[in-house]
Amino acid sequence: MKNKKTASNIELVLFDFGGVIADEGFKQELFSIGRENNIDTQKFYSAVCEIISDCGCLTGDADKKLSGRRWENGLL
């Protein structure tokens, strides 16, 4: 099977790693949630990142029941 090239109107794609072009809204919002709930902001941010990484959300293998239990087990 041959690959057929098709016309595309996309002229540019930007990947902004680490907030070079725009603020990291996700990180800042998690810090805000931590402050509003009197939780150490860095600890809260790290815990959320760990949960997202470990539960399979990034790979499409998330087990929603398992990821919910992480909070109950005192991760924070």
C-alpha atoms as a PDB file:
ATOM      1  CA  MET A   1       0.000   0.000   0.000  1.00  0.00           C
ATOM      2  CA  LYS A   2       1.444   3.355  -0.999  1.00  0.00           C
ATOM      3  CA  ASN A   3       1.274   6.410   1.217  1.00  0.00           C
ATOM      4  CA  LYS A   4      -0.699   9.113  -0.472  1.00  0.00           C
ATOM      5  CA  LYS A   5       0.239  12.663   0.386  1.00  0.00           C
ATOM      6  CA  THR A   6      -2.708  14.946   0.756  1.00  0.00           C
ATOM      7  CA  ALA A   7      -2.906  18.708   0.711  1.00  0.00           C
ATOM      8  CA  SER A   8      -2.891  20.314   4.135  1.00  0.00           C
ATOM      9  CA  ASN A   9      -3.561  23.844   5.316  1.00  0.00           C
ATOM     10  CA  ILE A  10      -1.373  23.387   8.415  1.00  0.00           C
ATOM     11  CA  GLU A  11       1.658  25.607   8.081  1.00  0.00           C
ATOM     12  CA  LEU A  12       3.065  25.569  11.608  1.00  0.00           C
ATOM     13  CA  VAL A  13       2.896  23.482  14.778  1.00  0.00           C
ATOM     14  CA  LEU A  14       4.388  24.754  18.039  1.00  0.00           C
ATOM     15  CA  PHE A  15       5.272  22.656  21.066  1.00  0.00           C
ATOM     16  CA  ASP A  16       5.798  24.736  24.191  1.00  0.00           C
ATOM     17  CA  PHE A  17       7.757  22.619  26.657  1.00  0.00           C
ATOM     18  CA  GLY A  18       8.294  24.170  30.056  1.00  0.00           C
ATOM     19  CA  GLY A  19       6.366  27.376  29.511  1.00  0.00           C
ATOM     20  CA  VAL A  20       8.816  29.041  27.119  1.00  0.00           C
ATOM     21  CA  ILE A  21       6.088  30.721  25.057  1.00  0.00           C
ATOM     22  CA  ALA A  22       3.163  30.715  27.494  1.00  0.00           C
ATOM     23  CA  ASP A  23       2.711  30.279  31.236  1.00  0.00           C
ATOM     24  CA  GLU A  24       2.275  26.765  32.483  1.00  0.00           C
ATOM     25  CA  GLY A  25      -1.404  27.085  33.352  1.00  0.00           C
ATOM     26  CA  PHE A  26      -1.712  23.492  34.565  1.00  0.00           C
ATOM     27  CA  LYS A  27       1.116  23.890  37.071  1.00  0.00           C
ATOM     28  CA  GLN A  28      -0.018  27.315  38.249  1.00  0.00           C
ATOM     29  CA  GLU A  29      -3.589  26.101  38.739  1.00  0.00           C
ATOM     30  CA  LEU A  30      -2.423  23.156  40.832  1.00  0.00           C
ATOM     31  CA  PHE A  31      -0.375  25.535  42.979  1.00  0.00           C
ATOM     32  CA  SER A  32      -3.496  27.687  43.359  1.00  0.00           C
ATOM     33  CA  ILE A  33      -5.579  24.670  44.432  1.00  0.00           C
ATOM     34  CA  GLY A  34      -2.909  23.760  46.985  1.00  0.00           C
ATOM     35  CA  ARG A  35      -2.858  27.279  48.450  1.00  0.00           C
ATOM     36  CA  GLU A  36      -6.668  27.445  48.633  1.00  0.00           C
ATOM     37  CA  ASN A  37      -6.746  24.149  50.549  1.00  0.00           C
ATOM     38  CA  ASN A  38      -3.770  24.840  52.842  1.00  0.00           C
ATOM     39  CA  ILE A  39      -1.708  22.082  51.245  1.00  0.00           C
ATOM     40  CA  ASP A  40       2.010  22.469  50.538  1.00  0.00           C
ATOM     41  CA  THR A  41       1.903  23.566  46.893  1.00  0.00           C
ATOM     42  CA  GLN A  42       5.029  21.737  45.717  1.00  0.00           C
ATOM     43  CA  LYS A  43       3.995  18.536  47.489  1.00  0.00           C
ATOM     44  CA  PHE A  44       0.507  18.741  45.958  1.00  0.00           C
ATOM     45  CA  TYR A  45       1.894  19.407  42.459  1.00  0.00           C
ATOM     46  CA  SER A  46       4.355  16.513  42.749  1.00  0.00           C
ATOM     47  CA  ALA A  47       1.627  14.164  43.992  1.00  0.00           C
ATOM     48  CA  VAL A  48      -0.699  15.044  41.106  1.00  0.00           C
ATOM     49  CA  CYS A  49       2.098  14.571  38.554  1.00  0.00           C
ATOM     50  CA  GLU A  50       2.954  11.212  40.097  1.00  0.00           C
ATOM     51  CA  ILE A  51      -0.678  10.083  39.982  1.00  0.00           C
ATOM     52  CA  ILE A  52      -1.024  11.133  36.340  1.00  0.00           C
ATOM     53  CA  SER A  53       2.204   9.371  35.430  1.00  0.00           C
ATOM     54  CA  ASP A  54       1.542   6.191  37.399  1.00  0.00           C
ATOM     55  CA  CYS A  55      -2.134   5.642  36.594  1.00  0.00           C
ATOM     56  CA  GLY A  56      -1.632   5.245  32.852  1.00  0.00           C
ATOM     57  CA  CYS A  57      -3.426   8.426  31.777  1.00  0.00           C
ATOM     58  CA  LEU A  58      -0.556   9.360  29.490  1.00  0.00           C
ATOM     59  CA  THR A  59      -0.511   5.990  27.770  1.00  0.00           C
ATOM     60  CA  GLY A  60      -4.251   5.310  27.625  1.00  0.00           C
ATOM     61  CA  ASP A  61      -3.992   2.506  30.182  1.00  0.00           C
ATOM     62  CA  ALA A  62      -5.721   4.300  33.052  1.00  0.00           C
ATOM     63  CA  ASP A  63      -7.653   2.266  35.569  1.00  0.00           C
ATOM     64  CA  LYS A  64      -9.987   4.866  37.055  1.00  0.00           C
ATOM     65  CA  LYS A  65     -10.778   2.753  40.104  1.00  0.00           C
ATOM     66  CA  LEU A  66      -7.113   2.250  40.970  1.00  0.00           C
ATOM     67  CA  SER A  67      -6.102   5.900  40.433  1.00  0.00           C
ATOM     68  CA  GLY A  68      -8.917   7.051  42.741  1.00  0.00           C
ATOM     69  CA  ARG A  69      -7.616   4.861  45.558  1.00  0.00           C
ATOM     70  CA  ARG A  70      -4.240   6.679  45.584  1.00  0.00           C
ATOM     71  CA  TRP A  71      -5.895   9.635  47.349  1.00  0.00           C
ATOM     72  CA  GLU A  72      -7.481   7.363  49.966  1.00  0.00           C
ATOM     73  CA  ASN A  73      -4.139   5.716  50.728  1.00  0.00           C
ATOM     74  CA  GLY A  74      -2.661   8.972  52.009  1.00  0.00           C
ATOM     75  CA  LEU A  75      -0.435  10.006  49.136  1.00  0.00           C
ATOM     76  CA  LEU A  76      -0.753  13.591  50.328  1.00  0.00           C
END
